[in-house]
C-alpha atoms as a PDB file:
ATOM      1  CA  MET A   1       7.053   6.744 -22.499  1.00  0.00           C
ATOM      2  CA  THR A   2       3.382   5.876 -22.798  1.00  0.00           C
ATOM      3  CA  GLU A   3       1.336   3.967 -20.286  1.00  0.00           C
ATOM      4  CA  LEU A   4       0.335   0.405 -21.033  1.00  0.00           C
ATOM      5  CA  LYS A   5      -3.037  -0.188 -22.628  1.00  0.00           C
ATOM      6  CA  TYR A   6      -3.734  -2.772 -19.940  1.00  0.00           C
ATOM      7  CA  PRO A   7      -2.137  -2.316 -16.493  1.00  0.00           C
ATOM      8  CA  GLU A   8       0.149  -4.992 -15.120  1.00  0.00           C
ATOM      9  CA  PHE A   9      -0.865  -4.042 -11.598  1.00  0.00           C
ATOM     10  CA  TYR A  10      -3.967  -2.695  -9.874  1.00  0.00           C
ATOM     11  CA  ASP A  11      -4.319  -1.015  -6.501  1.00  0.00           C
ATOM     12  CA  VAL A  12      -7.732  -2.117  -5.238  1.00  0.00           C
ATOM     13  CA  LYS A  13      -9.642  -0.373  -2.460  1.00  0.00           C
ATOM     14  CA  VAL A  14     -11.810  -2.927  -0.665  1.00  0.00           C
ATOM     15  CA  THR A  15     -13.116  -0.795   2.220  1.00  0.00           C
ATOM     16  CA  ASN A  16     -12.949   2.661   3.745  1.00  0.00           C
ATOM     17  CA  VAL A  17     -13.204   1.316   7.301  1.00  0.00           C
ATOM     18  CA  CYS A  18     -10.167   1.769   9.538  1.00  0.00           C
ATOM     19  CA  GLU A  19      -9.700   2.000  13.301  1.00  0.00           C
ATOM     20  CA  GLY A  20      -6.315   3.684  12.990  1.00  0.00           C
ATOM     21  CA  CYS A  21      -7.618   7.269  12.927  1.00  0.00           C
ATOM     22  CA  CYS A  22      -4.371   8.553  11.415  1.00  0.00           C
ATOM     23  CA  PRO A  23      -4.431  12.368  11.487  1.00  0.00           C
ATOM     24  CA  GLY A  24      -2.931  12.629   8.000  1.00  0.00           C
ATOM     25  CA  CYS A  25      -4.930   9.868   6.299  1.00  0.00           C
ATOM     26  CA  TYR A  26      -5.154  10.884   2.642  1.00  0.00           C
ATOM     27  CA  GLN A  27      -8.076   8.484   2.185  1.00  0.00           C
ATOM     28  CA  ASP A  28     -10.009   9.993   5.122  1.00  0.00           C
ATOM     29  CA  SER A  29     -10.851   6.466   6.318  1.00  0.00           C
ATOM     30  CA  ILE A  30     -13.007   6.194   9.443  1.00  0.00           C
ATOM     31  CA  PRO A  31     -14.009   3.486  11.968  1.00  0.00           C
ATOM     32  CA  ASN A  32     -17.802   3.872  12.021  1.00  0.00           C
ATOM     33  CA  GLU A  33     -18.644   3.141   8.420  1.00  0.00           C
ATOM     34  CA  ASP A  34     -20.108   0.126   6.647  1.00  0.00           C
ATOM     35  CA  HIS A  35     -17.767  -2.161   4.737  1.00  0.00           C
ATOM     36  CA  TYR A  36     -18.232  -2.367   0.987  1.00  0.00           C
ATOM     37  CA  PRO A  37     -21.056  -4.872   0.322  1.00  0.00           C
ATOM     38  CA  ASN A  38     -21.026  -7.655  -2.272  1.00  0.00           C
ATOM     39  CA  ILE A  39     -17.289  -7.266  -2.667  1.00  0.00           C
ATOM     40  CA  ILE A  40     -16.722 -10.712  -4.203  1.00  0.00           C
ATOM     41  CA  ASP A  41     -19.315  -9.963  -6.873  1.00  0.00           C
ATOM     42  CA  SER A  42     -17.594  -6.645  -7.544  1.00  0.00           C
ATOM     43  CA  ILE A  43     -14.198  -8.308  -7.947  1.00  0.00           C
ATOM     44  CA  ASN A  44     -15.578 -10.916 -10.312  1.00  0.00           C
ATOM     45  CA  SER A  45     -17.539  -8.400 -12.368  1.00  0.00           C
ATOM     46  CA  PHE A  46     -14.437  -6.253 -12.833  1.00  0.00           C
ATOM     47  CA  PHE A  47     -11.651  -8.787 -13.291  1.00  0.00           C
ATOM     48  CA  LYS A  48     -13.284 -12.023 -14.453  1.00  0.00           C
ATOM     49  CA  PRO A  49     -14.281 -10.803 -17.961  1.00  0.00           C
ATOM     50  CA  MET A  50     -10.644  -9.821 -18.658  1.00  0.00           C
ATOM     51  CA  ASP A  51      -8.776 -11.954 -21.142  1.00  0.00           C
ATOM     52  CA  GLU A  52      -5.185 -13.071 -20.579  1.00  0.00           C
ATOM     53  CA  ASN A  53      -3.788  -9.868 -22.063  1.00  0.00           C
ATOM     54  CA  GLN A  54      -6.002  -7.589 -19.975  1.00  0.00           C
ATOM     55  CA  ARG A  55      -5.667  -9.341 -16.626  1.00  0.00           C
ATOM     56  CA  PRO A  56      -3.041  -7.898 -14.247  1.00  0.00           C
ATOM     57  CA  PHE A  57      -0.311 -10.042 -12.773  1.00  0.00           C
ATOM     58  CA  GLN A  58      -0.879  -8.716  -9.260  1.00  0.00           C
ATOM     59  CA  VAL A  59      -3.128  -6.506  -7.158  1.00  0.00           C
ATOM     60  CA  ALA A  60      -2.416  -4.546  -3.976  1.00  0.00           C
ATOM     61  CA  LEU A  61      -5.403  -4.567  -1.644  1.00  0.00           C
ATOM     62  CA  GLY A  62      -5.936  -1.547   0.564  1.00  0.00           C
ATOM     63  CA  GLY A  63      -8.529   0.672   2.124  1.00  0.00           C
ATOM     64  CA  GLY A  64      -9.118   1.638   4.852  1.00  0.00           C
ATOM     65  CA  GLU A  65      -7.790  -1.420   6.621  1.00  0.00           C
ATOM     66  CA  PRO A  66      -8.427  -4.313   4.198  1.00  0.00           C
ATOM     67  CA  THR A  67      -7.989  -7.068   6.783  1.00  0.00           C
ATOM     68  CA  SER A  68     -10.971  -5.682   8.704  1.00  0.00           C
ATOM     69  CA  HIS A  69     -13.374  -6.561   5.874  1.00  0.00           C
ATOM     70  CA  PRO A  70     -15.410  -9.639   6.890  1.00  0.00           C
ATOM     71  CA  ASP A  71     -14.928 -11.174   3.437  1.00  0.00           C
ATOM     72  CA  PHE A  72     -11.186 -10.489   3.211  1.00  0.00           C
ATOM     73  CA  HIS A  73     -10.134 -14.138   3.252  1.00  0.00           C
ATOM     74  CA  GLU A  74     -12.522 -14.859   0.396  1.00  0.00           C
ATOM     75  CA  VAL A  75     -11.155 -11.795  -1.415  1.00  0.00           C
ATOM     76  CA  LEU A  76      -7.667 -13.315  -1.370  1.00  0.00           C
ATOM     77  CA  LYS A  77      -8.952 -16.660  -2.640  1.00  0.00           C
ATOM     78  CA  THR A  78     -11.057 -15.004  -5.345  1.00  0.00           C
ATOM     79  CA  PHE A  79      -8.070 -13.203  -6.832  1.00  0.00           C
ATOM     80  CA  THR A  80      -5.970 -16.356  -6.683  1.00  0.00           C
ATOM     81  CA  ASP A  81      -8.696 -18.311  -8.458  1.00  0.00           C
ATOM     82  CA  LEU A  82      -8.643 -15.631 -11.175  1.00  0.00           C
ATOM     83  CA  GLY A  83      -4.916 -16.177 -11.679  1.00  0.00           C
ATOM     84  CA  ILE A  84      -4.008 -12.852 -10.053  1.00  0.00           C
ATOM     85  CA  VAL A  85      -1.547 -12.660  -7.146  1.00  0.00           C
ATOM     86  CA  PRO A  86      -3.012 -10.657  -4.244  1.00  0.00           C
ATOM     87  CA  ASN A  87      -0.909  -8.538  -1.899  1.00  0.00           C
ATOM     88  CA  TYR A  88      -2.176  -6.250   0.820  1.00  0.00           C
ATOM     89  CA  THR A  89      -1.283  -3.375   3.138  1.00  0.00           C
ATOM     90  CA  THR A  90      -2.126  -3.443   6.834  1.00  0.00           C
ATOM     91  CA  ASN A  91      -1.664  -1.248   9.897  1.00  0.00           C
ATOM     92  CA  GLY A  92      -1.341  -4.382  12.033  1.00  0.00           C
ATOM     93  CA  MET A  93      -4.253  -3.648  14.366  1.00  0.00           C
ATOM     94  CA  ILE A  94      -5.671  -7.105  13.744  1.00  0.00           C
ATOM     95  CA  CYS A  95      -2.859  -8.498  15.926  1.00  0.00           C
ATOM     96  CA  ILE A  96      -4.862  -7.742  19.081  1.00  0.00           C
ATOM     97  CA  ASP A  97      -7.060 -10.725  18.194  1.00  0.00           C
ATOM     98  CA  GLN A  98      -4.973 -13.917  18.263  1.00  0.00           C
ATOM     99  CA  LYS A  99      -7.536 -16.086  16.468  1.00  0.00           C
ATOM    100  CA  LYS A 100      -8.080 -13.585  13.657  1.00  0.00           C
ATOM    101  CA  THR A 101      -4.341 -13.106  13.292  1.00  0.00           C
ATOM    102  CA  ASP A 102      -3.669 -16.846  13.102  1.00  0.00           C
ATOM    103  CA  ASP A 103      -6.392 -17.263  10.479  1.00  0.00           C
ATOM    104  CA  LEU A 104      -5.056 -14.306   8.501  1.00  0.00           C
ATOM    105  CA  ILE A 105      -1.524 -15.703   8.509  1.00  0.00           C
ATOM    106  CA  THR A 106      -2.841 -19.044   7.256  1.00  0.00           C
ATOM    107  CA  VAL A 107      -4.634 -17.545   4.245  1.00  0.00           C
ATOM    108  CA  THR A 108      -1.801 -15.091   3.615  1.00  0.00           C
ATOM    109  CA  LYS A 109       0.691 -17.939   3.321  1.00  0.00           C
ATOM    110  CA  GLN A 110      -1.727 -19.805   1.077  1.00  0.00           C
ATOM    111  CA  TYR A 111      -2.681 -17.036  -1.327  1.00  0.00           C
ATOM    112  CA  CYS A 112      -0.540 -13.888  -1.013  1.00  0.00           C
ATOM    113  CA  GLY A 113       2.603 -12.720  -2.714  1.00  0.00           C
ATOM    114  CA  GLY A 114       3.492 -10.359   0.103  1.00  0.00           C
ATOM    115  CA  VAL A 115       2.346  -7.888   2.742  1.00  0.00           C
ATOM    116  CA  ALA A 116       3.171  -4.238   3.375  1.00  0.00           C
ATOM    117  CA  VAL A 117       2.947  -2.959   6.947  1.00  0.00           C
ATOM    118  CA  SER A 118       2.282   0.744   7.518  1.00  0.00           C
ATOM    119  CA  THR A 119       4.596   2.036  10.242  1.00  0.00           C
ATOM    120  CA  HIS A 120       2.498   4.904  11.609  1.00  0.00           C
ATOM    121  CA  PRO A 121       4.121   6.109  14.862  1.00  0.00           C
ATOM    122  CA  HIS A 122       0.888   6.227  16.854  1.00  0.00           C
ATOM    123  CA  LEU A 123       0.126   2.612  15.917  1.00  0.00           C
ATOM    124  CA  GLU A 124       3.552   1.239  16.842  1.00  0.00           C
ATOM    125  CA  LYS A 125       2.138  -1.172  19.426  1.00  0.00           C
ATOM    126  CA  TYR A 126       0.262  -2.880  16.580  1.00  0.00           C
ATOM    127  CA  TRP A 127       2.508  -2.761  13.534  1.00  0.00           C
ATOM    128  CA  ARG A 128       5.645  -3.922  15.336  1.00  0.00           C
ATOM    129  CA  PRO A 129       4.209  -7.226  16.600  1.00  0.00           C
ATOM    130  CA  MET A 130       2.400  -7.744  13.300  1.00  0.00           C
ATOM    131  CA  THR A 131       5.662  -7.298  11.418  1.00  0.00           C
ATOM    132  CA  ASP A 132       7.346  -9.878  13.642  1.00  0.00           C
ATOM    133  CA  ILE A 133       4.464 -12.299  13.107  1.00  0.00           C
ATOM    134  CA  LEU A 134       4.680 -11.956   9.332  1.00  0.00           C
ATOM    135  CA  VAL A 135       8.471 -12.270   9.225  1.00  0.00           C
ATOM    136  CA  ASN A 136       8.489 -15.279  11.534  1.00  0.00           C
ATOM    137  CA  ALA A 137       5.852 -16.925   9.339  1.00  0.00           C
ATOM    138  CA  GLY A 138       8.163 -16.592   6.340  1.00  0.00           C
ATOM    139  CA  ILE A 139       5.884 -14.114   4.533  1.00  0.00           C
ATOM    140  CA  SER A 140       7.495 -11.576   2.226  1.00  0.00           C
ATOM    141  CA  THR A 141       7.164  -8.377   4.258  1.00  0.00           C
ATOM    142  CA  ASN A 142       7.712  -4.716   3.388  1.00  0.00           C
ATOM    143  CA  LEU A 143       7.493  -1.626   5.583  1.00  0.00           C
ATOM    144  CA  HIS A 144       5.730   1.544   4.429  1.00  0.00           C
ATOM    145  CA  VAL A 145       7.176   4.753   5.860  1.00  0.00           C
ATOM    146  CA  ILE A 146       5.597   8.191   5.417  1.00  0.00           C
ATOM    147  CA  ILE A 147       8.226  10.874   4.839  1.00  0.00           C
ATOM    148  CA  SER A 148       7.742  14.571   5.527  1.00  0.00           C
ATOM    149  CA  GLY A 149      10.110  16.626   7.702  1.00  0.00           C
ATOM    150  CA  LYS A 150      13.484  15.805   9.272  1.00  0.00           C
ATOM    151  CA  GLU A 151      11.933  13.971  12.216  1.00  0.00           C
ATOM    152  CA  THR A 152      10.311  11.416   9.922  1.00  0.00           C
ATOM    153  CA  VAL A 153      13.577  10.928   8.032  1.00  0.00           C
ATOM    154  CA  ASP A 154      15.490  10.320  11.268  1.00  0.00           C
ATOM    155  CA  ARG A 155      12.812   7.862  12.314  1.00  0.00           C
ATOM    156  CA  PHE A 156      13.153   6.027   9.003  1.00  0.00           C
ATOM    157  CA  ILE A 157      16.921   5.714   9.470  1.00  0.00           C
ATOM    158  CA  GLU A 158      16.276   4.124  12.873  1.00  0.00           C
ATOM    159  CA  LEU A 159      13.762   1.700  11.346  1.00  0.00           C
ATOM    160  CA  TYR A 160      16.170   0.896   8.541  1.00  0.00           C
ATOM    161  CA  ASN A 161      18.963  -0.047  10.942  1.00  0.00           C
ATOM    162  CA  GLU A 162      16.555  -2.144  12.996  1.00  0.00           C
ATOM    163  CA  TYR A 163      14.768  -4.008  10.200  1.00  0.00           C
ATOM    164  CA  LYS A 164      17.190  -4.044   7.245  1.00  0.00           C
ATOM    165  CA  ASP A 165      18.017  -7.714   7.736  1.00  0.00           C
ATOM    166  CA  LYS A 166      14.435  -8.796   8.452  1.00  0.00           C
ATOM    167  CA  ILE A 167      12.181  -7.399   5.742  1.00  0.00           C
ATOM    168  CA  LYS A 168      12.309  -7.282   1.950  1.00  0.00           C
ATOM    169  CA  TYR A 169      11.801  -3.587   1.145  1.00  0.00           C
ATOM    170  CA  PHE A 170      11.308  -0.259   2.821  1.00  0.00           C
ATOM    171  CA  VAL A 171       8.796   1.713   0.759  1.00  0.00           C
ATOM    172  CA  LEU A 172       9.096   5.467   1.245  1.00  0.00           C
ATOM    173  CA  LEU A 173       5.920   7.452   0.637  1.00  0.00           C
ATOM    174  CA  PRO A 174       5.910  11.263   0.601  1.00  0.00           C
ATOM    175  CA  PHE A 175       3.290  12.936   2.778  1.00  0.00           C
ATOM    176  CA  GLU A 176       0.368  14.193   0.686  1.00  0.00           C
ATOM    177  CA  ARG A 177      -1.973  17.013   1.659  1.00  0.00           C
ATOM    178  CA  MET A 178      -5.141  15.081   0.885  1.00  0.00           C
ATOM    179  CA  GLY A 179      -8.061  13.797   2.940  1.00  0.00           C
ATOM    180  CA  ARG A 180      -7.397  14.613   6.595  1.00  0.00           C
ATOM    181  CA  GLY A 181      -3.896  15.613   5.572  1.00  0.00           C
ATOM    182  CA  VAL A 182      -5.178  18.968   4.305  1.00  0.00           C
ATOM    183  CA  ASN A 183      -5.241  20.129   7.927  1.00  0.00           C
ATOM    184  CA  ILE A 184      -1.570  19.317   8.541  1.00  0.00           C
ATOM    185  CA  ASN A 185       1.139  21.852   7.817  1.00  0.00           C
ATOM    186  CA  GLU A 186       3.812  19.422   6.637  1.00  0.00           C
ATOM    187  CA  THR A 187       6.223  19.467   3.721  1.00  0.00           C
ATOM    188  CA  VAL A 188       8.660  16.839   2.525  1.00  0.00           C
ATOM    189  CA  ASP A 189      12.302  17.706   3.231  1.00  0.00           C
ATOM    190  CA  TYR A 190      13.718  16.063   0.111  1.00  0.00           C
ATOM    191  CA  GLU A 191      17.235  17.409   0.524  1.00  0.00           C
ATOM    192  CA  TYR A 192      17.583  16.052   4.050  1.00  0.00           C
ATOM    193  CA  LEU A 193      16.111  12.695   3.051  1.00  0.00           C
ATOM    194  CA  PHE A 194      18.472  12.122   0.153  1.00  0.00           C
ATOM    195  CA  ASP A 195      21.465  13.402   2.124  1.00  0.00           C
ATOM    196  CA  MET A 196      20.686  10.864   4.842  1.00  0.00           C
ATOM    197  CA  LEU A 197      20.256   8.061   2.299  1.00  0.00           C
ATOM    198  CA  LYS A 198      23.846   8.699   1.231  1.00  0.00           C
ATOM    199  CA  THR A 199      24.968   7.676   4.719  1.00  0.00           C
ATOM    200  CA  LEU A 200      23.485   4.179   4.404  1.00  0.00           C
ATOM    201  CA  PRO A 201      25.811   1.389   3.256  1.00  0.00           C
ATOM    202  CA  ASP A 202      23.167  -0.198   1.003  1.00  0.00           C
ATOM    203  CA  ILE A 203      19.945   1.274  -0.362  1.00  0.00           C
ATOM    204  CA  SER A 204      19.039  -1.548  -2.724  1.00  0.00           C
ATOM    205  CA  ASN A 205      16.204  -2.527  -0.371  1.00  0.00           C
ATOM    206  CA  ILE A 206      14.597   0.922  -0.493  1.00  0.00           C
ATOM    207  CA  SER A 207      11.719   1.645  -2.881  1.00  0.00           C
ATOM    208  CA  TYR A 208       9.949   4.913  -3.533  1.00  0.00           C
ATOM    209  CA  GLY A 209       6.293   5.788  -3.990  1.00  0.00           C
ATOM    210  CA  ALA A 210       5.244   7.172  -7.363  1.00  0.00           C
ATOM    211  CA  ASN A 211       5.039  10.714  -6.004  1.00  0.00           C
ATOM    212  CA  PHE A 212       8.801  10.721  -5.478  1.00  0.00           C
ATOM    213  CA  TYR A 213       9.261  10.522  -9.253  1.00  0.00           C
ATOM    214  CA  GLU A 214      10.167  14.156  -9.968  1.00  0.00           C
ATOM    215  CA  GLU A 215      12.688  14.250  -7.136  1.00  0.00           C
ATOM    216  CA  LEU A 216      14.252  10.945  -8.152  1.00  0.00           C
ATOM    217  CA  LYS A 217      14.765  12.213 -11.703  1.00  0.00           C
ATOM    218  CA  LYS A 218      17.049  14.909 -10.267  1.00  0.00           C
ATOM    219  CA  ARG A 219      19.258  12.308  -8.566  1.00  0.00           C
ATOM    220  CA  PRO A 220      20.567   9.745 -11.065  1.00  0.00           C
ATOM    221  CA  TYR A 221      23.242   8.658  -8.568  1.00  0.00           C
ATOM    222  CA  LEU A 222      20.536   6.696  -6.727  1.00  0.00           C
ATOM    223  CA  ASP A 223      20.569   4.127  -9.546  1.00  0.00           C
ATOM    224  CA  VAL A 224      16.878   3.241  -9.306  1.00  0.00           C
ATOM    225  CA  ASN A 225      14.611   2.023 -12.083  1.00  0.00           C
ATOM    226  CA  LEU A 226      12.411   4.958 -13.038  1.00  0.00           C
ATOM    227  CA  TYR A 227       9.141   4.859 -14.922  1.00  0.00           C
ATOM    228  CA  GLU A 228       6.528   7.494 -15.505  1.00  0.00           C
ATOM    229  CA  PRO A 229       4.141   7.350 -12.519  1.00  0.00           C
ATOM    230  CA  GLU A 230       1.245   4.943 -12.983  1.00  0.00           C
ATOM    231  CA  MET A 231       2.670   3.789 -16.309  1.00  0.00           C
ATOM    232  CA  PHE A 232       2.106   0.163 -15.359  1.00  0.00           C
ATOM    233  CA  SER A 233      -0.757   0.478 -12.897  1.00  0.00           C
ATOM    234  CA  LYS A 234      -4.253   1.730 -12.198  1.00  0.00           C
ATOM    235  CA  TYR A 235      -6.418   2.168  -9.122  1.00  0.00           C
ATOM    236  CA  VAL A 236      -9.933   0.823  -8.683  1.00  0.00           C
ATOM    237  CA  ASP A 237     -12.379   1.621  -5.880  1.00  0.00           C
ATOM    238  CA  LEU A 238     -14.764  -1.318  -5.521  1.00  0.00           C
ATOM    239  CA  LYS A 239     -17.433   0.777  -3.813  1.00  0.00           C
ATOM    240  CA  ASP A 240     -18.604   2.423  -7.018  1.00  0.00           C
ATOM    241  CA  MET A 241     -16.288   0.626  -9.486  1.00  0.00           C
ATOM    242  CA  THR A 242     -14.461   3.761 -10.560  1.00  0.00           C
ATOM    243  CA  VAL A 243     -10.980   3.514 -12.050  1.00  0.00           C
ATOM    244  CA  HIS A 244      -8.325   6.192 -11.529  1.00  0.00           C
ATOM    245  CA  LYS A 245      -4.723   6.654 -12.561  1.00  0.00           C
ATOM    246  CA  SER A 246      -3.743   6.351  -8.916  1.00  0.00           C
ATOM    247  CA  SER A 247      -5.044   6.544  -5.357  1.00  0.00           C
ATOM    248  CA  PHE A 248      -3.823  10.133  -5.240  1.00  0.00           C
ATOM    249  CA  GLN A 249      -6.406  11.149  -7.827  1.00  0.00           C
ATOM    250  CA  LEU A 250      -9.510  10.459  -5.812  1.00  0.00           C
ATOM    251  CA  ASP A 251     -11.299  13.563  -6.996  1.00  0.00           C
ATOM    252  CA  TYR A 252     -14.152  11.792  -8.733  1.00  0.00           C
ATOM    253  CA  THR A 253     -14.281  14.487 -11.393  1.00  0.00           C
ATOM    254  CA  LYS A 254     -11.014  12.938 -12.587  1.00  0.00           C
ATOM    255  CA  LYS A 255     -12.194   9.339 -12.758  1.00  0.00           C
ATOM    256  CA  MET A 256     -11.206   7.467 -15.887  1.00  0.00           C
ATOM    257  CA  TYR A 257     -14.280   5.338 -16.263  1.00  0.00           C
ATOM    258  CA  ILE A 258     -16.905   3.362 -14.406  1.00  0.00           C
ATOM    259  CA  ILE A 259     -17.354  -0.345 -14.942  1.00  0.00           C
END
């Protein structure tokens, strides 16, 4: 297969600011950093000149923690005005501020296709209530789960049994030794993961990150739709307007082009 000339989907990094301080953050996001400036201008300069054939159907907004950007609500509206459906990923930390959370839910219901919540164990007191808020608001909600060793697989099984009737998809993402993750001695126990998946009565609500591709090819019994990684998508960092094949290729010597 060959990748599309124009992606159907873009991952868009809108900030590198995040209060989560996850030890394995592959983006190496930090709290004490400035948000990307002039972000609305950047979005318009990148996406607005696209014709109907070039424009993606959807974008996934990330960071950092995208909801922490002061212009995030306008970001969602800007993409909608361009005819592009925005989605975003959050660690849920915004839930500590009731007013900000209420405002976010309002614009999410108005503009977004869906939300993915990152289920980092050390942020459980944030992502759990945020997940409940999203689900109760009728927003299409997915849970992101980082998979490495057996402990993370067992934790996923627990989350699956708890949330399988509440959310749309569980998205499994293999741990990557990038960013702050280079200091963590973790490997993905693929055999244990896929053995445990066999014990579940229904796995139709489980999706897999692109970096699971090679392992999924070895297991046709899973009956998942497989495409070459990043065949339909690209990744853009709005800080310097660089485009990459994916967020896992953030070595800027490998950038595709600069707008």
